[in-house]
N, C-alpha and C. Protein backbone atom coordinates (compact mmCIF):
# COMPACT_ATOMS: atom_id res chain seq x y z
N MET A 1 27.34 16.85 -6.42
CA MET A 1 27.50 18.15 -7.02
C MET A 1 26.35 19.04 -6.57
N PRO A 2 26.63 20.20 -5.97
CA PRO A 2 25.56 21.08 -5.49
C PRO A 2 24.80 21.72 -6.65
N ARG A 3 23.53 21.98 -6.39
CA ARG A 3 22.69 22.64 -7.38
C ARG A 3 22.96 24.13 -7.40
N PRO A 4 22.86 24.76 -8.56
CA PRO A 4 23.03 26.21 -8.61
C PRO A 4 21.94 26.91 -7.80
N ALA A 5 22.27 28.06 -7.27
CA ALA A 5 21.32 28.80 -6.44
C ALA A 5 20.10 29.26 -7.22
N HIS A 6 20.29 29.56 -8.49
CA HIS A 6 19.20 30.06 -9.31
C HIS A 6 18.87 29.09 -10.43
N ALA A 7 18.52 27.89 -10.07
CA ALA A 7 18.17 26.89 -11.07
C ALA A 7 16.85 27.29 -11.72
N PRO A 8 16.70 27.06 -13.02
CA PRO A 8 15.45 27.42 -13.67
C PRO A 8 14.29 26.60 -13.10
N VAL A 9 13.18 27.26 -12.90
CA VAL A 9 12.00 26.61 -12.33
C VAL A 9 11.05 26.28 -13.47
N ARG A 10 10.57 25.07 -13.47
CA ARG A 10 9.60 24.68 -14.49
C ARG A 10 8.27 25.34 -14.20
N PRO A 11 7.57 25.78 -15.23
CA PRO A 11 6.26 26.40 -15.00
C PRO A 11 5.28 25.40 -14.42
N THR A 12 4.42 25.89 -13.58
CA THR A 12 3.41 25.01 -12.99
C THR A 12 2.37 24.64 -14.03
N GLU A 13 1.57 23.67 -13.70
CA GLU A 13 0.51 23.24 -14.61
C GLU A 13 -0.46 24.38 -14.89
N ASP A 14 -0.72 25.20 -13.88
CA ASP A 14 -1.65 26.31 -14.08
C ASP A 14 -1.12 27.31 -15.09
N ASP A 15 0.18 27.57 -15.05
CA ASP A 15 0.76 28.48 -16.03
C ASP A 15 0.64 27.91 -17.44
N LEU A 16 0.87 26.63 -17.58
CA LEU A 16 0.76 26.01 -18.90
C LEU A 16 -0.67 26.09 -19.42
N LEU A 17 -1.64 25.87 -18.53
CA LEU A 17 -3.03 25.93 -18.95
C LEU A 17 -3.46 27.36 -19.27
N ARG A 18 -2.89 28.34 -18.58
CA ARG A 18 -3.20 29.74 -18.90
C ARG A 18 -2.68 30.09 -20.29
N TRP A 19 -1.47 29.63 -20.62
CA TRP A 19 -0.94 29.89 -21.94
C TRP A 19 -1.77 29.19 -23.01
N ALA A 20 -2.25 27.99 -22.71
CA ALA A 20 -3.09 27.26 -23.67
C ALA A 20 -4.40 28.02 -23.90
N ALA A 21 -4.98 28.54 -22.83
CA ALA A 21 -6.22 29.31 -22.96
C ALA A 21 -5.96 30.58 -23.78
N PHE A 22 -4.82 31.20 -23.54
CA PHE A 22 -4.46 32.39 -24.33
C PHE A 22 -4.36 32.04 -25.82
N GLY A 23 -3.78 30.89 -26.11
CA GLY A 23 -3.69 30.43 -27.49
C GLY A 23 -5.05 30.16 -28.11
N CYS A 24 -5.98 29.69 -27.28
CA CYS A 24 -7.35 29.44 -27.76
C CYS A 24 -8.02 30.74 -28.19
N LEU A 25 -7.63 31.84 -27.59
CA LEU A 25 -8.20 33.14 -27.97
C LEU A 25 -7.41 33.80 -29.09
N LEU A 26 -6.10 33.62 -29.05
CA LEU A 26 -5.24 34.30 -30.01
C LEU A 26 -5.35 33.73 -31.42
N ALA A 27 -5.38 32.42 -31.55
CA ALA A 27 -5.40 31.80 -32.88
C ALA A 27 -6.62 32.21 -33.69
N PRO A 28 -7.84 32.15 -33.15
CA PRO A 28 -9.00 32.61 -33.95
C PRO A 28 -8.95 34.10 -34.26
N ALA A 29 -8.42 34.90 -33.32
CA ALA A 29 -8.31 36.34 -33.58
C ALA A 29 -7.38 36.60 -34.77
N VAL A 30 -6.28 35.89 -34.82
CA VAL A 30 -5.34 36.06 -35.94
C VAL A 30 -5.99 35.57 -37.24
N LEU A 31 -6.71 34.47 -37.17
CA LEU A 31 -7.38 33.98 -38.38
C LEU A 31 -8.39 35.00 -38.90
N LEU A 32 -9.17 35.59 -38.00
CA LEU A 32 -10.13 36.61 -38.42
C LEU A 32 -9.42 37.83 -38.98
N TRP A 33 -8.33 38.21 -38.35
CA TRP A 33 -7.56 39.36 -38.81
C TRP A 33 -7.00 39.12 -40.22
N ARG A 34 -6.63 37.88 -40.50
CA ARG A 34 -6.06 37.55 -41.80
C ARG A 34 -7.14 37.26 -42.85
N GLY A 35 -8.42 37.34 -42.48
CA GLY A 35 -9.49 37.21 -43.46
C GLY A 35 -10.15 35.85 -43.55
N ALA A 36 -9.91 34.98 -42.60
CA ALA A 36 -10.56 33.67 -42.62
C ALA A 36 -12.04 33.83 -42.27
N PRO A 37 -12.89 32.94 -42.76
CA PRO A 37 -14.30 33.02 -42.41
C PRO A 37 -14.52 32.82 -40.90
N PHE A 38 -15.60 33.41 -40.41
CA PHE A 38 -15.90 33.32 -38.98
C PHE A 38 -16.07 31.88 -38.53
N LEU A 39 -16.75 31.07 -39.32
CA LEU A 39 -16.97 29.67 -38.91
C LEU A 39 -15.66 28.89 -38.80
N THR A 40 -14.71 29.22 -39.64
CA THR A 40 -13.39 28.58 -39.54
C THR A 40 -12.72 28.95 -38.24
N ALA A 41 -12.75 30.24 -37.90
CA ALA A 41 -12.14 30.70 -36.65
C ALA A 41 -12.87 30.11 -35.45
N ALA A 42 -14.18 30.00 -35.52
CA ALA A 42 -14.95 29.42 -34.42
C ALA A 42 -14.62 27.93 -34.28
N GLY A 43 -14.45 27.23 -35.39
CA GLY A 43 -14.08 25.82 -35.35
C GLY A 43 -12.70 25.62 -34.73
N VAL A 44 -11.77 26.49 -35.09
CA VAL A 44 -10.43 26.42 -34.50
C VAL A 44 -10.50 26.67 -33.01
N ALA A 45 -11.29 27.65 -32.60
CA ALA A 45 -11.42 27.96 -31.17
C ALA A 45 -12.00 26.77 -30.41
N CYS A 46 -13.02 26.14 -30.97
CA CYS A 46 -13.62 24.97 -30.32
C CYS A 46 -12.65 23.81 -30.25
N GLY A 47 -11.92 23.58 -31.32
CA GLY A 47 -10.94 22.49 -31.33
C GLY A 47 -9.83 22.71 -30.32
N LEU A 48 -9.31 23.92 -30.27
CA LEU A 48 -8.26 24.23 -29.29
C LEU A 48 -8.79 24.14 -27.86
N ALA A 49 -10.01 24.58 -27.66
CA ALA A 49 -10.60 24.50 -26.32
C ALA A 49 -10.77 23.04 -25.90
N ALA A 50 -11.15 22.18 -26.83
CA ALA A 50 -11.30 20.76 -26.51
C ALA A 50 -9.96 20.13 -26.16
N VAL A 51 -8.93 20.47 -26.92
CA VAL A 51 -7.60 19.94 -26.63
C VAL A 51 -7.10 20.45 -25.29
N THR A 52 -7.33 21.72 -25.00
CA THR A 52 -6.92 22.30 -23.73
C THR A 52 -7.65 21.63 -22.56
N ALA A 53 -8.94 21.41 -22.72
CA ALA A 53 -9.71 20.76 -21.66
C ALA A 53 -9.23 19.32 -21.43
N ALA A 54 -8.97 18.61 -22.51
CA ALA A 54 -8.47 17.24 -22.37
C ALA A 54 -7.09 17.23 -21.71
N SER A 55 -6.25 18.18 -22.08
CA SER A 55 -4.93 18.28 -21.46
C SER A 55 -5.05 18.58 -19.97
N ARG A 56 -5.96 19.45 -19.63
CA ARG A 56 -6.16 19.79 -18.21
C ARG A 56 -6.57 18.56 -17.41
N VAL A 57 -7.48 17.79 -17.97
CA VAL A 57 -7.93 16.58 -17.29
C VAL A 57 -6.75 15.61 -17.12
N LEU A 58 -5.97 15.41 -18.16
CA LEU A 58 -4.85 14.48 -18.09
C LEU A 58 -3.78 14.97 -17.12
N ILE A 59 -3.52 16.27 -17.10
CA ILE A 59 -2.52 16.81 -16.18
C ILE A 59 -2.97 16.64 -14.74
N ARG A 60 -4.22 16.98 -14.47
CA ARG A 60 -4.75 16.83 -13.10
C ARG A 60 -4.75 15.38 -12.66
N ARG A 61 -5.09 14.51 -13.59
CA ARG A 61 -5.16 13.09 -13.26
C ARG A 61 -3.78 12.49 -13.00
N SER A 62 -2.77 13.01 -13.68
CA SER A 62 -1.42 12.46 -13.54
C SER A 62 -0.77 12.87 -12.21
N ARG A 63 -1.30 13.88 -11.59
CA ARG A 63 -0.75 14.29 -10.29
C ARG A 63 -1.14 13.25 -9.31
């Protein structure tokens, strides 16, 4: 069976990591906007950054 000419393309690893980095910035900004303490937002940013970094290492290693 032939493949369709415009098959959906999966995002590259770099695109996924860019979105993860965007989330690392967006989540603390929303928390601050909603009135959460600064240290809570900073903790969330650090936690998301750690998860993103670990994901990056695992993605690169799996290639």
